[in-house]
Amino acid sequence: MILRRTQVITFAHTVGEFGVILMIGGSIPGETKVASIAIYRFVEMFQYEMAHIYSAIMVAISFLVLLGVYFFNQKQNRKIGGMH
């Protein structure tokens, strides 16, 4: 039950953030370009291959950031005596 609630809240949060980016400044021609909006536009133009490429890049970047945070936390825990 808790997992389902977490999934619903995460989905709602993501849709809300995407809407704000889309409305306020996700793609000002010649000035800004946000990856999530680029994926949205590729899907609208039926360019699924490009949408998949952008998505894979975003997943890889997210994974690398999370991996970096994990190792940083490990290092910090060793410095302060293994406290959790």
C-alpha atoms as a PDB file:
ATOM      1  CA  MET A   1       0.000   0.000   0.000  1.00  0.00           C
ATOM      2  CA  ILE A   2       2.802   2.423   0.893  1.00  0.00           C
ATOM      3  CA  LEU A   3       4.607   1.628  -2.364  1.00  0.00           C
ATOM      4  CA  ARG A   4       1.458   2.448  -4.380  1.00  0.00           C
ATOM      5  CA  ARG A   5       1.062   5.788  -2.559  1.00  0.00           C
ATOM      6  CA  THR A   6       4.698   6.603  -3.235  1.00  0.00           C
ATOM      7  CA  GLN A   7       4.263   5.827  -6.920  1.00  0.00           C
ATOM      8  CA  VAL A   8       1.157   8.023  -7.192  1.00  0.00           C
ATOM      9  CA  ILE A   9       2.800  10.945  -5.385  1.00  0.00           C
ATOM     10  CA  THR A  10       5.960  10.630  -7.500  1.00  0.00           C
ATOM     11  CA  PHE A  11       3.935  10.561 -10.709  1.00  0.00           C
ATOM     12  CA  ALA A  12       1.860  13.588  -9.676  1.00  0.00           C
ATOM     13  CA  HIS A  13       4.982  15.502  -8.681  1.00  0.00           C
ATOM     14  CA  THR A  14       6.693  14.717 -11.984  1.00  0.00           C
ATOM     15  CA  VAL A  15       3.675  15.726 -14.067  1.00  0.00           C
ATOM     16  CA  GLY A  16       3.376  18.957 -12.065  1.00  0.00           C
ATOM     17  CA  GLU A  17       7.010  19.856 -12.575  1.00  0.00           C
ATOM     18  CA  PHE A  18       6.826  19.054 -16.273  1.00  0.00           C
ATOM     19  CA  GLY A  19       3.776  21.306 -16.639  1.00  0.00           C
ATOM     20  CA  VAL A  20       5.528  24.203 -14.936  1.00  0.00           C
ATOM     21  CA  ILE A  21       8.603  23.811 -17.143  1.00  0.00           C
ATOM     22  CA  LEU A  22       6.406  23.602 -20.238  1.00  0.00           C
ATOM     23  CA  MET A  23       4.420  26.740 -19.326  1.00  0.00           C
ATOM     24  CA  ILE A  24       7.056  29.027 -17.861  1.00  0.00           C
ATOM     25  CA  GLY A  25      10.308  28.647 -19.693  1.00  0.00           C
ATOM     26  CA  GLY A  26      11.171  25.202 -20.879  1.00  0.00           C
ATOM     27  CA  SER A  27      11.889  26.253 -24.411  1.00  0.00           C
ATOM     28  CA  ILE A  28      12.423  29.881 -25.278  1.00  0.00           C
ATOM     29  CA  PRO A  29      13.468  29.784 -28.955  1.00  0.00           C
ATOM     30  CA  GLY A  30      17.165  30.534 -29.331  1.00  0.00           C
ATOM     31  CA  GLU A  31      17.701  30.829 -25.568  1.00  0.00           C
ATOM     32  CA  THR A  32      16.796  27.706 -23.609  1.00  0.00           C
ATOM     33  CA  LYS A  33      16.189  24.036 -24.215  1.00  0.00           C
ATOM     34  CA  VAL A  34      15.244  21.573 -21.488  1.00  0.00           C
ATOM     35  CA  ALA A  35      15.759  17.845 -22.067  1.00  0.00           C
ATOM     36  CA  SER A  36      12.276  16.867 -20.883  1.00  0.00           C
ATOM     37  CA  ILE A  37      10.702  19.322 -23.339  1.00  0.00           C
ATOM     38  CA  ALA A  38      12.978  18.053 -26.123  1.00  0.00           C
ATOM     39  CA  ILE A  39      11.777  14.490 -25.452  1.00  0.00           C
ATOM     40  CA  TYR A  40       8.165  15.707 -25.466  1.00  0.00           C
ATOM     41  CA  ARG A  41       8.675  17.445 -28.814  1.00  0.00           C
ATOM     42  CA  PHE A  42      10.400  14.404 -30.349  1.00  0.00           C
ATOM     43  CA  VAL A  43       7.451  12.217 -29.335  1.00  0.00           C
ATOM     44  CA  GLU A  44       5.010  14.759 -30.786  1.00  0.00           C
ATOM     45  CA  MET A  45       6.933  14.597 -34.090  1.00  0.00           C
ATOM     46  CA  PHE A  46       6.965  10.761 -33.965  1.00  0.00           C
ATOM     47  CA  GLN A  47      10.772  10.739 -33.701  1.00  0.00           C
ATOM     48  CA  TYR A  48      10.829   7.993 -31.114  1.00  0.00           C
ATOM     49  CA  GLU A  49      14.463   7.064 -31.731  1.00  0.00           C
ATOM     50  CA  MET A  50      15.640  10.552 -30.703  1.00  0.00           C
ATOM     51  CA  ALA A  51      13.270  10.537 -27.726  1.00  0.00           C
ATOM     52  CA  HIS A  52      14.780   7.214 -26.626  1.00  0.00           C
ATOM     53  CA  ILE A  53      18.311   8.548 -27.018  1.00  0.00           C
ATOM     54  CA  TYR A  54      17.560  11.641 -24.917  1.00  0.00           C
ATOM     55  CA  SER A  55      15.825   9.469 -22.318  1.00  0.00           C
ATOM     56  CA  ALA A  56      18.763   7.065 -22.123  1.00  0.00           C
ATOM     57  CA  ILE A  57      21.159   9.979 -21.666  1.00  0.00           C
ATOM     58  CA  MET A  58      19.008  11.365 -18.845  1.00  0.00           C
ATOM     59  CA  VAL A  59      18.858   7.953 -17.142  1.00  0.00           C
ATOM     60  CA  ALA A  60      22.656   7.574 -17.441  1.00  0.00           C
ATOM     61  CA  ILE A  61      23.279  11.046 -16.006  1.00  0.00           C
ATOM     62  CA  SER A  62      20.847  10.361 -13.152  1.00  0.00           C
ATOM     63  CA  PHE A  63      22.559   7.062 -12.405  1.00  0.00           C
ATOM     64  CA  LEU A  64      26.004   8.696 -12.374  1.00  0.00           C
ATOM     65  CA  VAL A  65      24.819  11.470 -10.055  1.00  0.00           C
ATOM     66  CA  LEU A  66      23.245   8.962  -7.663  1.00  0.00           C
ATOM     67  CA  LEU A  67      26.392   6.832  -7.771  1.00  0.00           C
ATOM     68  CA  GLY A  68      28.480   9.925  -6.980  1.00  0.00           C
ATOM     69  CA  VAL A  69      26.228  10.811  -4.047  1.00  0.00           C
ATOM     70  CA  TYR A  70      26.454   7.230  -2.777  1.00  0.00           C
ATOM     71  CA  PHE A  71      30.279   7.272  -2.822  1.00  0.00           C
ATOM     72  CA  PHE A  72      30.374  10.750  -1.289  1.00  0.00           C
ATOM     73  CA  ASN A  73      28.147   9.562   1.568  1.00  0.00           C
ATOM     74  CA  GLN A  74      30.324   6.467   2.052  1.00  0.00           C
ATOM     75  CA  LYS A  75      33.402   8.682   2.314  1.00  0.00           C
ATOM     76  CA  GLN A  76      31.683  11.045   4.757  1.00  0.00           C
ATOM     77  CA  ASN A  77      30.524   8.125   6.938  1.00  0.00           C
ATOM     78  CA  ARG A  78      34.096   6.810   7.167  1.00  0.00           C
ATOM     79  CA  LYS A  79      35.359  10.269   8.191  1.00  0.00           C
ATOM     80  CA  ILE A  80      32.912  10.549  11.100  1.00  0.00           C
ATOM     81  CA  GLY A  81      33.491   7.033  12.381  1.00  0.00           C
ATOM     82  CA  GLY A  82      30.950   4.978  10.495  1.00  0.00           C
ATOM     83  CA  MET A  83      27.836   6.673  11.894  1.00  0.00           C
ATOM     84  CA  HIS A  84      24.652   6.063   9.873  1.00  0.00           C
END
